[in-house]
Amino acid sequence: MSRIKYYYDPETCKYERYVRSKWDIALNALGFLSLSSMLAIVFILVFYTYFDNPKELLLQKENNELKLYYEFLEQEVVKMNQMLGDLQQRDDNLYRIIFESEPIAPEIRQAGIGGSDRYRDIREKGLNQEKMIIALHSKIDALKRQLYVQSISYDEITEMALKKEEYWASIPAIQPVLNENLNLLASGFGMRLHPILKVRKMHTGVDFTAPKGTPIYATGDGVVIEVQSVFGGYGKYVEIDHGFGFVTRYAHMNDFNVKKGQKVKRGDQIGTVGNTGSSTAPHVHYEVLKDGKYVNPVNYFFKDLTPEEYDLILELASKENQSLS
């Protein structure tokens, strides 16, 4: 209930009841509205200054989640880079050294990706966090590029490993006859007295004396390229191409167990010891050629000998005596 107001009228010397005019009511209402509006504005400013509205809270929560996800991705990229660095280190300093291959050059691993503006699509979207997003994309692209280079490297290493396995199987690494007591090596590689001409002449292989019919074995994997019988010289002989530049020759044989074009494995019997051709006693004259040049076969006898036995056979082969052919 509104209070009744009175005022003193000096003309009538009485208290008269105060009656507000429409103008007063309008002014009062306008003042009230103005004050209310000002208070509302102040309240809104204070509220928005110190409090977030639900929409902003939702956006802020979403932004925090995206930031957390970005930081997680950053950490994962760092971890993956560390793991890749370990793989690259092993690749350059272990695997490629084992297979006698040059390490991958750093400029190849770090090579850039073509394109003047690779991230133009991102820039055109006008994102608020454009720099952050592009930086992360750039790190991921660099990681993908290095992973691709590493995968190619592992393909090469796999191929080298397969070839290396074939290489070790192909090297003429055993003696052509069973020589358990190391007493069958009669003459070594180098200048020797020729048994027929009686002059010092280059002996291009090693001679293993053995009874006629003693088995002769292939000293490495390969393909038989010659099975010949001649009146003088090597007499009956076999040649095997082992690949990788290696060829072996087995001369003065009695008979053959192989044919031309046949594939053989190390240890396969290819024939027997004989006394054919220019031979003065039953033996096998064994030669090794590397890239078309005669080399000392003893240098490759590492598969079936201990270090001590290898030293002994080197000593026996170095004695300058008379060859058997």
C-alpha atoms as a PDB file:
ATOM      1  CA  MET A   1       0.000   0.000   0.000  1.00  0.00           C
ATOM      2  CA  SER A   2       1.493   3.276  -1.125  1.00  0.00           C
ATOM      3  CA  ARG A   3       1.998   6.013   1.450  1.00  0.00           C
ATOM      4  CA  ILE A   4      -0.150   9.236   1.169  1.00  0.00           C
ATOM      5  CA  LYS A   5       1.881  12.425   1.029  1.00  0.00           C
ATOM      6  CA  TYR A   6       0.732  15.902   2.204  1.00  0.00           C
ATOM      7  CA  TYR A   7       2.160  19.346   1.796  1.00  0.00           C
ATOM      8  CA  TYR A   8       1.460  22.668   3.618  1.00  0.00           C
ATOM      9  CA  ASP A   9      -0.347  25.277   1.537  1.00  0.00           C
ATOM     10  CA  PRO A  10       0.483  28.776   2.877  1.00  0.00           C
ATOM     11  CA  GLU A  11      -2.471  30.323   1.057  1.00  0.00           C
ATOM     12  CA  THR A  12      -5.019  28.181   2.764  1.00  0.00           C
ATOM     13  CA  CYS A  13      -2.931  27.599   5.858  1.00  0.00           C
ATOM     14  CA  LYS A  14      -3.821  23.915   5.563  1.00  0.00           C
ATOM     15  CA  TYR A  15      -2.144  20.637   4.763  1.00  0.00           C
ATOM     16  CA  GLU A  16      -3.233  19.575   1.372  1.00  0.00           C
ATOM     17  CA  ARG A  17      -2.949  16.086  -0.095  1.00  0.00           C
ATOM     18  CA  TYR A  18      -0.142  15.768  -2.663  1.00  0.00           C
ATOM     19  CA  VAL A  19      -1.371  14.570  -6.020  1.00  0.00           C
ATOM     20  CA  ARG A  20       1.320  13.583  -8.564  1.00  0.00           C
ATOM     21  CA  SER A  21       0.933  14.787 -12.095  1.00  0.00           C
ATOM     22  CA  LYS A  22       1.385  12.560 -15.146  1.00  0.00           C
ATOM     23  CA  TRP A  23       4.649  14.319 -15.876  1.00  0.00           C
ATOM     24  CA  ASP A  24       5.984  13.454 -12.439  1.00  0.00           C
ATOM     25  CA  ILE A  25       4.930   9.864 -12.904  1.00  0.00           C
ATOM     26  CA  ALA A  26       6.657   9.773 -16.281  1.00  0.00           C
ATOM     27  CA  LEU A  27       9.840  11.290 -14.898  1.00  0.00           C
ATOM     28  CA  ASN A  28       9.866   8.905 -11.973  1.00  0.00           C
ATOM     29  CA  ALA A  29       9.317   5.954 -14.259  1.00  0.00           C
ATOM     30  CA  LEU A  30      12.057   7.157 -16.613  1.00  0.00           C
ATOM     31  CA  GLY A  31      14.437   7.610 -13.712  1.00  0.00           C
ATOM     32  CA  PHE A  32      13.625   4.180 -12.380  1.00  0.00           C
ATOM     33  CA  LEU A  33      14.139   2.626 -15.781  1.00  0.00           C
ATOM     34  CA  SER A  34      17.442   4.465 -16.252  1.00  0.00           C
ATOM     35  CA  LEU A  35      18.708   3.404 -12.877  1.00  0.00           C
ATOM     36  CA  SER A  36      17.580  -0.172 -13.477  1.00  0.00           C
ATOM     37  CA  SER A  37      19.304  -0.232 -16.866  1.00  0.00           C
ATOM     38  CA  MET A  38      22.515   1.127 -15.394  1.00  0.00           C
ATOM     39  CA  LEU A  39      22.426  -1.424 -12.609  1.00  0.00           C
ATOM     40  CA  ALA A  40      21.679  -4.186 -15.123  1.00  0.00           C
ATOM     41  CA  ILE A  41      24.611  -3.100 -17.286  1.00  0.00           C
ATOM     42  CA  VAL A  42      26.909  -2.974 -14.273  1.00  0.00           C
ATOM     43  CA  PHE A  43      25.686  -6.395 -13.180  1.00  0.00           C
ATOM     44  CA  ILE A  44      26.225  -7.872 -16.639  1.00  0.00           C
ATOM     45  CA  LEU A  45      29.715  -6.368 -16.884  1.00  0.00           C
ATOM     46  CA  VAL A  46      30.630  -7.696 -13.466  1.00  0.00           C
ATOM     47  CA  PHE A  47      29.146 -11.120 -14.281  1.00  0.00           C
ATOM     48  CA  TYR A  48      30.930 -11.435 -17.620  1.00  0.00           C
ATOM     49  CA  THR A  49      34.143 -10.149 -16.083  1.00  0.00           C
ATOM     50  CA  TYR A  50      34.271 -12.617 -13.229  1.00  0.00           C
ATOM     51  CA  PHE A  51      32.055 -15.444 -14.477  1.00  0.00           C
ATOM     52  CA  ASP A  52      31.831 -17.414 -17.758  1.00  0.00           C
ATOM     53  CA  ASN A  53      28.568 -18.114 -19.428  1.00  0.00           C
ATOM     54  CA  PRO A  54      27.646 -21.739 -20.296  1.00  0.00           C
ATOM     55  CA  LYS A  55      28.613 -21.324 -23.952  1.00  0.00           C
ATOM     56  CA  GLU A  56      32.011 -19.931 -23.070  1.00  0.00           C
ATOM     57  CA  LEU A  57      32.480 -22.653 -20.500  1.00  0.00           C
ATOM     58  CA  LEU A  58      31.732 -25.274 -23.155  1.00  0.00           C
ATOM     59  CA  LEU A  59      34.108 -23.644 -25.635  1.00  0.00           C
ATOM     60  CA  GLN A  60      36.784 -23.320 -22.979  1.00  0.00           C
ATOM     61  CA  LYS A  61      36.403 -26.986 -22.062  1.00  0.00           C
ATOM     62  CA  GLU A  62      36.635 -27.965 -25.733  1.00  0.00           C
ATOM     63  CA  ASN A  63      39.688 -25.742 -26.176  1.00  0.00           C
ATOM     64  CA  ASN A  64      41.382 -27.292 -23.140  1.00  0.00           C
ATOM     65  CA  GLU A  65      40.677 -30.771 -24.504  1.00  0.00           C
ATOM     66  CA  LEU A  66      42.137 -29.831 -27.902  1.00  0.00           C
ATOM     67  CA  LYS A  67      45.180 -28.335 -26.216  1.00  0.00           C
ATOM     68  CA  LEU A  68      45.638 -31.484 -24.151  1.00  0.00           C
ATOM     69  CA  TYR A  69      45.266 -33.628 -27.290  1.00  0.00           C
ATOM     70  CA  TYR A  70      47.804 -31.473 -29.125  1.00  0.00           C
ATOM     71  CA  GLU A  71      50.295 -31.805 -26.271  1.00  0.00           C
ATOM     72  CA  PHE A  72      49.742 -35.573 -26.297  1.00  0.00           C
ATOM     73  CA  LEU A  73      50.432 -35.693 -30.048  1.00  0.00           C
ATOM     74  CA  GLU A  74      53.546 -33.572 -29.534  1.00  0.00           C
ATOM     75  CA  GLN A  75      54.824 -36.052 -26.932  1.00  0.00           C
ATOM     76  CA  GLU A  76      54.070 -39.002 -29.240  1.00  0.00           C
ATOM     77  CA  VAL A  77      55.948 -37.337 -32.108  1.00  0.00           C
ATOM     78  CA  VAL A  78      58.928 -36.770 -29.803  1.00  0.00           C
ATOM     79  CA  LYS A  79      58.871 -40.431 -28.707  1.00  0.00           C
ATOM     80  CA  MET A  80      58.611 -41.643 -32.301  1.00  0.00           C
ATOM     81  CA  ASN A  81      61.520 -39.417 -33.303  1.00  0.00           C
ATOM     82  CA  GLN A  82      63.594 -40.921 -30.494  1.00  0.00           C
ATOM     83  CA  MET A  83      62.696 -44.449 -31.574  1.00  0.00           C
ATOM     84  CA  LEU A  84      63.473 -43.608 -35.195  1.00  0.00           C
ATOM     85  CA  GLY A  85      66.791 -42.112 -34.109  1.00  0.00           C
ATOM     86  CA  ASP A  86      67.701 -45.410 -32.420  1.00  0.00           C
ATOM     87  CA  LEU A  87      66.799 -47.340 -35.582  1.00  0.00           C
ATOM     88  CA  GLN A  88      68.857 -44.969 -37.718  1.00  0.00           C
ATOM     89  CA  GLN A  89      71.795 -45.327 -35.328  1.00  0.00           C
ATOM     90  CA  ARG A  90      71.657 -49.128 -35.552  1.00  0.00           C
ATOM     91  CA  ASP A  91      71.215 -48.950 -39.305  1.00  0.00           C
ATOM     92  CA  ASP A  92      74.302 -46.789 -39.873  1.00  0.00           C
ATOM     93  CA  ASN A  93      76.612 -48.157 -37.163  1.00  0.00           C
ATOM     94  CA  LEU A  94      75.680 -51.821 -37.035  1.00  0.00           C
ATOM     95  CA  TYR A  95      73.733 -53.304 -39.926  1.00  0.00           C
ATOM     96  CA  ARG A  96      75.478 -51.441 -42.731  1.00  0.00           C
ATOM     97  CA  ILE A  97      78.912 -52.023 -41.207  1.00  0.00           C
ATOM     98  CA  ILE A  98      78.215 -55.764 -40.983  1.00  0.00           C
ATOM     99  CA  PHE A  99      77.261 -55.841 -44.651  1.00  0.00           C
ATOM    100  CA  GLU A 100      80.100 -53.486 -45.661  1.00  0.00           C
ATOM    101  CA  SER A 101      77.791 -50.785 -46.939  1.00  0.00           C
ATOM    102  CA  GLU A 102      78.050 -47.008 -46.654  1.00  0.00           C
ATOM    103  CA  PRO A 103      75.740 -45.348 -44.070  1.00  0.00           C
ATOM    104  CA  ILE A 104      72.872 -43.247 -45.429  1.00  0.00           C
ATOM    105  CA  ALA A 105      73.920 -39.611 -45.794  1.00  0.00           C
ATOM    106  CA  PRO A 106      72.222 -37.193 -43.347  1.00  0.00           C
ATOM    107  CA  GLU A 107      71.072 -34.961 -46.210  1.00  0.00           C
ATOM    108  CA  ILE A 108      69.120 -37.898 -47.646  1.00  0.00           C
ATOM    109  CA  ARG A 109      67.459 -38.648 -44.312  1.00  0.00           C
ATOM    110  CA  GLN A 110      66.573 -34.982 -43.804  1.00  0.00           C
ATOM    111  CA  ALA A 111      65.605 -34.206 -47.419  1.00  0.00           C
ATOM    112  CA  GLY A 112      62.655 -31.834 -47.732  1.00  0.00           C
ATOM    113  CA  ILE A 113      59.299 -32.421 -49.380  1.00  0.00           C
ATOM    114  CA  GLY A 114      58.541 -30.582 -52.610  1.00  0.00           C
ATOM    115  CA  GLY A 115      56.021 -27.760 -52.929  1.00  0.00           C
ATOM    116  CA  SER A 116      56.377 -24.032 -52.281  1.00  0.00           C
ATOM    117  CA  ASP A 117      53.374 -23.908 -49.940  1.00  0.00           C
ATOM    118  CA  ARG A 118      52.549 -27.385 -48.773  1.00  0.00           C
ATOM    119  CA  TYR A 119      50.111 -26.170 -46.118  1.00  0.00           C
ATOM    120  CA  ARG A 120      48.154 -23.681 -48.195  1.00  0.00           C
ATOM    121  CA  ASP A 121      44.886 -25.539 -47.555  1.00  0.00           C
ATOM    122  CA  ILE A 122      45.326 -25.034 -43.826  1.00  0.00           C
ATOM    123  CA  ARG A 123      46.206 -21.362 -44.257  1.00  0.00           C
ATOM    124  CA  GLU A 124      43.142 -20.738 -46.392  1.00  0.00           C
ATOM    125  CA  LYS A 125      40.842 -21.946 -43.605  1.00  0.00           C
ATOM    126  CA  GLY A 126      41.863 -19.028 -41.419  1.00  0.00           C
ATOM    127  CA  LEU A 127      42.213 -21.105 -38.253  1.00  0.00           C
ATOM    128  CA  ASN A 128      42.989 -19.335 -34.993  1.00  0.00           C
ATOM    129  CA  GLN A 129      45.710 -21.843 -34.121  1.00  0.00           C
ATOM    130  CA  GLU A 130      47.122 -21.953 -37.627  1.00  0.00           C
ATOM    131  CA  LYS A 131      50.785 -21.790 -36.631  1.00  0.00           C
ATOM    132  CA  MET A 132      50.432 -24.534 -34.041  1.00  0.00           C
ATOM    133  CA  ILE A 133      48.589 -26.844 -36.449  1.00  0.00           C
ATOM    134  CA  ILE A 134      51.077 -26.248 -39.285  1.00  0.00           C
ATOM    135  CA  ALA A 135      54.019 -26.846 -36.917  1.00  0.00           C
ATOM    136  CA  LEU A 136      52.572 -30.206 -35.885  1.00  0.00           C
ATOM    137  CA  HIS A 137      51.849 -31.158 -39.504  1.00  0.00           C
ATOM    138  CA  SER A 138      55.423 -30.251 -40.408  1.00  0.00           C
ATOM    139  CA  LYS A 139      56.856 -32.482 -37.672  1.00  0.00           C
ATOM    140  CA  ILE A 140      54.637 -35.394 -38.704  1.00  0.00           C
ATOM    141  CA  ASP A 141      55.598 -34.966 -42.379  1.00  0.00           C
ATOM    142  CA  ALA A 142      59.301 -34.954 -41.443  1.00  0.00           C
ATOM    143  CA  LEU A 143      58.758 -38.115 -39.395  1.00  0.00           C
ATOM    144  CA  LYS A 144      56.904 -39.841 -42.251  1.00  0.00           C
ATOM    145  CA  ARG A 145      59.662 -38.871 -44.668  1.00  0.00           C
ATOM    146  CA  GLN A 146      62.393 -40.315 -42.429  1.00  0.00           C
ATOM    147  CA  LEU A 147      60.359 -43.471 -41.831  1.00  0.00           C
ATOM    148  CA  TYR A 148      60.067 -43.928 -45.588  1.00  0.00           C
ATOM    149  CA  VAL A 149      63.838 -43.556 -46.018  1.00  0.00           C
ATOM    150  CA  GLN A 150      64.379 -46.037 -43.191  1.00  0.00           C
ATOM    151  CA  SER A 151      61.967 -48.559 -44.710  1.00  0.00           C
ATOM    152  CA  ILE A 152      63.852 -48.357 -48.022  1.00  0.00           C
ATOM    153  CA  SER A 153      67.089 -48.866 -46.098  1.00  0.00           C
ATOM    154  CA  TYR A 154      65.733 -52.002 -44.435  1.00  0.00           C
ATOM    155  CA  ASP A 155      64.700 -53.337 -47.840  1.00  0.00           C
ATOM    156  CA  GLU A 156      68.279 -52.830 -49.005  1.00  0.00           C
ATOM    157  CA  ILE A 157      69.681 -54.473 -45.859  1.00  0.00           C
ATOM    158  CA  THR A 158      67.353 -57.457 -46.319  1.00  0.00           C
ATOM    159  CA  GLU A 159      68.594 -57.859 -49.878  1.00  0.00           C
ATOM    160  CA  MET A 160      72.200 -57.535 -48.717  1.00  0.00           C
ATOM    161  CA  ALA A 161      71.580 -60.122 -45.990  1.00  0.00           C
ATOM    162  CA  LEU A 162      70.200 -62.585 -48.527  1.00  0.00           C
ATOM    163  CA  LYS A 163      73.135 -61.980 -50.827  1.00  0.00           C
ATOM    164  CA  LYS A 164      75.557 -62.209 -47.907  1.00  0.00           C
ATOM    165  CA  GLU A 165      74.118 -65.590 -46.956  1.00  0.00           C
ATOM    166  CA  GLU A 166      74.519 -66.721 -50.548  1.00  0.00           C
ATOM    167  CA  TYR A 167      78.017 -65.196 -50.598  1.00  0.00           C
ATOM    168  CA  TRP A 168      79.200 -67.118 -47.537  1.00  0.00           C
ATOM    169  CA  ALA A 169      77.732 -70.341 -48.914  1.00  0.00           C
ATOM    170  CA  SER A 170      79.501 -69.771 -52.255  1.00  0.00           C
ATOM    171  CA  ILE A 171      83.009 -68.973 -51.031  1.00  0.00           C
ATOM    172  CA  PRO A 172      85.349 -71.977 -51.623  1.00  0.00           C
ATOM    173  CA  ALA A 173      85.925 -72.331 -47.882  1.00  0.00           C
ATOM    174  CA  ILE A 174      86.857 -76.002 -47.353  1.00  0.00           C
ATOM    175  CA  GLN A 175      89.558 -78.352 -48.599  1.00  0.00           C
ATOM    176  CA  PRO A 176      88.638 -80.418 -51.674  1.00  0.00           C
ATOM    177  CA  VAL A 177      89.544 -83.714 -49.945  1.00  0.00           C
ATOM    178  CA  LEU A 178      89.086 -84.994 -46.420  1.00  0.00           C
ATOM    179  CA  ASN A 179      92.328 -83.987 -44.714  1.00  0.00           C
ATOM    180  CA  GLU A 180      91.758 -84.651 -41.025  1.00  0.00           C
ATOM    181  CA  ASN A 181      95.429 -84.951 -40.072  1.00  0.00           C
ATOM    182  CA  LEU A 182      96.546 -82.141 -42.399  1.00  0.00           C
ATOM    183  CA  ASN A 183      99.120 -84.461 -43.960  1.00  0.00           C
ATOM    184  CA  LEU A 184      97.709 -84.581 -47.495  1.00  0.00           C
ATOM    185  CA  LEU A 185      98.839 -81.120 -48.608  1.00  0.00           C
ATOM    186  CA  ALA A 186     101.901 -81.887 -50.736  1.00  0.00           C
ATOM    187  CA  SER A 187     102.650 -78.599 -52.444  1.00  0.00           C
ATOM    188  CA  GLY A 188     101.462 -75.051 -51.955  1.00  0.00           C
ATOM    189  CA  PHE A 189     100.745 -71.964 -54.069  1.00  0.00           C
ATOM    190  CA  GLY A 190     103.643 -69.990 -55.571  1.00  0.00           C
ATOM    191  CA  MET A 191     107.000 -70.677 -57.220  1.00  0.00           C
ATOM    192  CA  ARG A 192     107.723 -74.419 -57.095  1.00  0.00           C
ATOM    193  CA  LEU A 193     110.003 -76.914 -58.809  1.00  0.00           C
ATOM    194  CA  HIS A 194     108.137 -78.441 -61.726  1.00  0.00           C
ATOM    195  CA  PRO A 195     108.214 -82.280 -61.452  1.00  0.00           C
ATOM    196  CA  ILE A 196     108.747 -82.847 -65.182  1.00  0.00           C
ATOM    197  CA  LEU A 197     110.575 -79.721 -66.409  1.00  0.00           C
ATOM    198  CA  LYS A 198     112.728 -79.534 -63.264  1.00  0.00           C
ATOM    199  CA  VAL A 199     112.671 -75.724 -63.265  1.00  0.00           C
ATOM    200  CA  ARG A 200     111.080 -73.280 -60.842  1.00  0.00           C
ATOM    201  CA  LYS A 201     107.686 -72.368 -62.171  1.00  0.00           C
ATOM    202  CA  MET A 202     104.572 -70.670 -60.869  1.00  0.00           C
ATOM    203  CA  HIS A 203     102.319 -73.232 -59.220  1.00  0.00           C
ATOM    204  CA  THR A 204      98.822 -71.760 -59.563  1.00  0.00           C
ATOM    205  CA  GLY A 205      97.123 -74.002 -57.008  1.00  0.00           C
ATOM    206  CA  VAL A 206      97.746 -76.492 -54.220  1.00  0.00           C
ATOM    207  CA  ASP A 207      98.284 -80.258 -54.497  1.00  0.00           C
ATOM    208  CA  PHE A 208      96.623 -82.757 -52.166  1.00  0.00           C
ATOM    209  CA  THR A 209      98.103 -86.222 -52.411  1.00  0.00           C
ATOM    210  CA  ALA A 210      95.622 -89.053 -51.843  1.00  0.00           C
ATOM    211  CA  PRO A 211      95.025 -92.618 -52.999  1.00  0.00           C
ATOM    212  CA  LYS A 212      93.332 -93.089 -56.337  1.00  0.00           C
ATOM    213  CA  GLY A 213      89.555 -93.064 -55.929  1.00  0.00           C
ATOM    214  CA  THR A 214      89.545 -90.733 -52.890  1.00  0.00           C
ATOM    215  CA  PRO A 215      86.407 -88.516 -53.036  1.00  0.00           C
ATOM    216  CA  ILE A 216      86.810 -84.915 -54.182  1.00  0.00           C
ATOM    217  CA  TYR A 217      84.296 -82.388 -52.850  1.00  0.00           C
ATOM    218  CA  ALA A 218      82.975 -79.045 -54.102  1.00  0.00           C
ATOM    219  CA  THR A 219      84.410 -76.370 -51.815  1.00  0.00           C
ATOM    220  CA  GLY A 220      81.447 -74.009 -52.174  1.00  0.00           C
ATOM    221  CA  ASP A 221      77.982 -73.694 -53.703  1.00  0.00           C
ATOM    222  CA  GLY A 222      78.004 -73.101 -57.432  1.00  0.00           C
ATOM    223  CA  VAL A 223      77.366 -74.328 -60.958  1.00  0.00           C
ATOM    224  CA  VAL A 224      79.606 -76.750 -62.869  1.00  0.00           C
ATOM    225  CA  ILE A 225      80.858 -74.909 -65.959  1.00  0.00           C
ATOM    226  CA  GLU A 226      83.458 -77.387 -67.264  1.00  0.00           C
ATOM    227  CA  VAL A 227      83.830 -81.181 -67.214  1.00  0.00           C
ATOM    228  CA  GLN A 228      86.825 -81.935 -69.452  1.00  0.00           C
ATOM    229  CA  SER A 229      89.231 -84.739 -70.282  1.00  0.00           C
ATOM    230  CA  VAL A 230      92.511 -83.743 -71.994  1.00  0.00           C
ATOM    231  CA  PHE A 231      95.625 -85.826 -72.770  1.00  0.00           C
ATOM    232  CA  GLY A 232      98.150 -83.619 -70.959  1.00  0.00           C
ATOM    233  CA  GLY A 233      97.971 -80.667 -68.634  1.00  0.00           C
ATOM    234  CA  TYR A 234      95.041 -80.951 -66.216  1.00  0.00           C
ATOM    235  CA  GLY A 235      93.955 -84.345 -67.519  1.00  0.00           C
ATOM    236  CA  LYS A 236      90.419 -84.902 -66.270  1.00  0.00           C
ATOM    237  CA  TYR A 237      89.223 -81.751 -64.526  1.00  0.00           C
ATOM    238  CA  VAL A 238      86.106 -79.938 -63.327  1.00  0.00           C
ATOM    239  CA  GLU A 239      85.475 -76.199 -63.028  1.00  0.00           C
ATOM    240  CA  ILE A 240      82.795 -74.680 -60.801  1.00  0.00           C
ATOM    241  CA  ASP A 241      81.546 -71.106 -60.967  1.00  0.00           C
ATOM    242  CA  HIS A 242      80.590 -70.011 -57.448  1.00  0.00           C
ATOM    243  CA  GLY A 243      79.462 -66.523 -58.366  1.00  0.00           C
ATOM    244  CA  PHE A 244      80.802 -63.332 -56.759  1.00  0.00           C
ATOM    245  CA  GLY A 245      83.904 -63.673 -58.951  1.00  0.00           C
ATOM    246  CA  PHE A 246      84.975 -67.101 -57.603  1.00  0.00           C
ATOM    247  CA  VAL A 247      85.850 -70.076 -59.827  1.00  0.00           C
ATOM    248  CA  THR A 248      87.471 -73.315 -58.626  1.00  0.00           C
ATOM    249  CA  ARG A 249      89.267 -75.983 -60.674  1.00  0.00           C
ATOM    250  CA  TYR A 250      89.894 -79.624 -59.694  1.00  0.00           C
ATOM    251  CA  ALA A 251      92.483 -81.351 -61.909  1.00  0.00           C
ATOM    252  CA  HIS A 252      94.011 -84.824 -62.547  1.00  0.00           C
ATOM    253  CA  MET A 253      90.772 -86.560 -61.500  1.00  0.00           C
ATOM    254  CA  ASN A 254      90.061 -90.233 -62.051  1.00  0.00           C
ATOM    255  CA  ASP A 255      86.330 -89.890 -62.797  1.00  0.00           C
ATOM    256  CA  PHE A 256      83.421 -87.440 -62.523  1.00  0.00           C
ATOM    257  CA  ASN A 257      80.259 -87.368 -60.448  1.00  0.00           C
ATOM    258  CA  VAL A 258      78.818 -84.237 -62.052  1.00  0.00           C
ATOM    259  CA  LYS A 259      77.814 -82.857 -65.437  1.00  0.00           C
ATOM    260  CA  LYS A 260      78.196 -79.446 -67.005  1.00  0.00           C
ATOM    261  CA  GLY A 261      75.426 -77.083 -65.891  1.00  0.00           C
ATOM    262  CA  GLN A 262      74.728 -79.035 -62.707  1.00  0.00           C
ATOM    263  CA  LYS A 263      74.243 -77.088 -59.459  1.00  0.00           C
ATOM    264  CA  VAL A 264      76.302 -78.272 -56.504  1.00  0.00           C
ATOM    265  CA  LYS A 265      76.475 -77.495 -52.801  1.00  0.00           C
ATOM    266  CA  ARG A 266      79.558 -77.218 -50.645  1.00  0.00           C
ATOM    267  CA  GLY A 267      80.559 -80.747 -49.665  1.00  0.00           C
ATOM    268  CA  ASP A 268      78.948 -82.491 -52.651  1.00  0.00           C
ATOM    269  CA  GLN A 269      81.200 -85.135 -54.197  1.00  0.00           C
ATOM    270  CA  ILE A 270      82.149 -84.118 -57.738  1.00  0.00           C
ATOM    271  CA  GLY A 271      84.583 -86.926 -58.565  1.00  0.00           C
ATOM    272  CA  THR A 272      87.574 -88.894 -57.313  1.00  0.00           C
ATOM    273  CA  VAL A 273      91.327 -88.448 -57.107  1.00  0.00           C
ATOM    274  CA  GLY A 274      93.281 -89.709 -60.122  1.00  0.00           C
ATOM    275  CA  ASN A 275      96.618 -89.481 -61.917  1.00  0.00           C
ATOM    276  CA  THR A 276      95.570 -88.115 -65.304  1.00  0.00           C
ATOM    277  CA  GLY A 277      97.260 -85.484 -67.434  1.00  0.00           C
ATOM    278  CA  SER A 278     100.672 -84.110 -66.475  1.00  0.00           C
ATOM    279  CA  SER A 279     100.697 -85.772 -63.076  1.00  0.00           C
ATOM    280  CA  THR A 280     103.482 -87.697 -61.371  1.00  0.00           C
ATOM    281  CA  ALA A 281     101.392 -89.314 -58.609  1.00  0.00           C
ATOM    282  CA  PRO A 282      97.727 -89.664 -57.605  1.00  0.00           C
ATOM    283  CA  HIS A 283      96.593 -86.273 -56.308  1.00  0.00           C
ATOM    284  CA  VAL A 284      94.167 -83.442 -56.921  1.00  0.00           C
ATOM    285  CA  HIS A 285      95.505 -80.128 -58.131  1.00  0.00           C
ATOM    286  CA  TYR A 286      93.122 -77.487 -56.716  1.00  0.00           C
ATOM    287  CA  GLU A 287      92.924 -73.882 -57.965  1.00  0.00           C
ATOM    288  CA  VAL A 288      90.896 -70.820 -56.938  1.00  0.00           C
ATOM    289  CA  LEU A 289      90.378 -67.869 -59.256  1.00  0.00           C
ATOM    290  CA  LYS A 290      88.965 -64.567 -58.009  1.00  0.00           C
ATOM    291  CA  ASP A 291      87.853 -62.155 -60.711  1.00  0.00           C
ATOM    292  CA  GLY A 292      89.880 -64.121 -63.262  1.00  0.00           C
ATOM    293  CA  LYS A 293      93.137 -64.094 -61.252  1.00  0.00           C
ATOM    294  CA  TYR A 294      94.766 -67.026 -59.468  1.00  0.00           C
ATOM    295  CA  VAL A 295      94.783 -66.651 -55.695  1.00  0.00           C
ATOM    296  CA  ASN A 296      96.165 -68.825 -52.915  1.00  0.00           C
ATOM    297  CA  PRO A 297      93.451 -71.402 -52.100  1.00  0.00           C
ATOM    298  CA  VAL A 298      94.791 -71.837 -48.560  1.00  0.00           C
ATOM    299  CA  ASN A 299      93.614 -68.331 -47.715  1.00  0.00           C
ATOM    300  CA  TYR A 300      90.029 -69.606 -47.964  1.00  0.00           C
ATOM    301  CA  PHE A 301      90.371 -72.764 -45.840  1.00  0.00           C
ATOM    302  CA  PHE A 302      88.558 -71.278 -42.851  1.00  0.00           C
ATOM    303  CA  LYS A 303      85.361 -73.319 -42.764  1.00  0.00           C
ATOM    304  CA  ASP A 304      86.693 -76.709 -41.634  1.00  0.00           C
ATOM    305  CA  LEU A 305      89.819 -75.701 -39.707  1.00  0.00           C
ATOM    306  CA  THR A 306      90.459 -74.396 -36.205  1.00  0.00           C
ATOM    307  CA  PRO A 307      92.761 -71.363 -35.888  1.00  0.00           C
ATOM    308  CA  GLU A 308      95.611 -73.657 -34.841  1.00  0.00           C
ATOM    309  CA  GLU A 309      95.020 -76.022 -37.787  1.00  0.00           C
ATOM    310  CA  TYR A 310      94.815 -73.069 -40.164  1.00  0.00           C
ATOM    311  CA  ASP A 311      98.181 -71.770 -38.937  1.00  0.00           C
ATOM    312  CA  LEU A 312      99.676 -75.232 -39.453  1.00  0.00           C
ATOM    313  CA  ILE A 313      98.358 -75.641 -42.995  1.00  0.00           C
ATOM    314  CA  LEU A 314      99.617 -72.161 -43.866  1.00  0.00           C
ATOM    315  CA  GLU A 315     103.053 -73.246 -42.689  1.00  0.00           C
ATOM    316  CA  LEU A 316     102.898 -76.467 -44.714  1.00  0.00           C
ATOM    317  CA  ALA A 317     101.747 -74.632 -47.858  1.00  0.00           C
ATOM    318  CA  SER A 318     104.527 -72.081 -47.606  1.00  0.00           C
ATOM    319  CA  LYS A 319     107.302 -74.672 -47.944  1.00  0.00           C
ATOM    320  CA  GLU A 320     108.958 -74.315 -51.342  1.00  0.00           C
ATOM    321  CA  ASN A 321     109.137 -77.906 -52.584  1.00  0.00           C
ATOM    322  CA  GLN A 322     108.385 -79.817 -55.768  1.00  0.00           C
ATOM    323  CA  SER A 323     104.836 -79.816 -57.040  1.00  0.00           C
ATOM    324  CA  LEU A 324     103.106 -82.978 -58.285  1.00  0.00           C
ATOM    325  CA  SER A 325     101.951 -81.419 -61.563  1.00  0.00           C
END
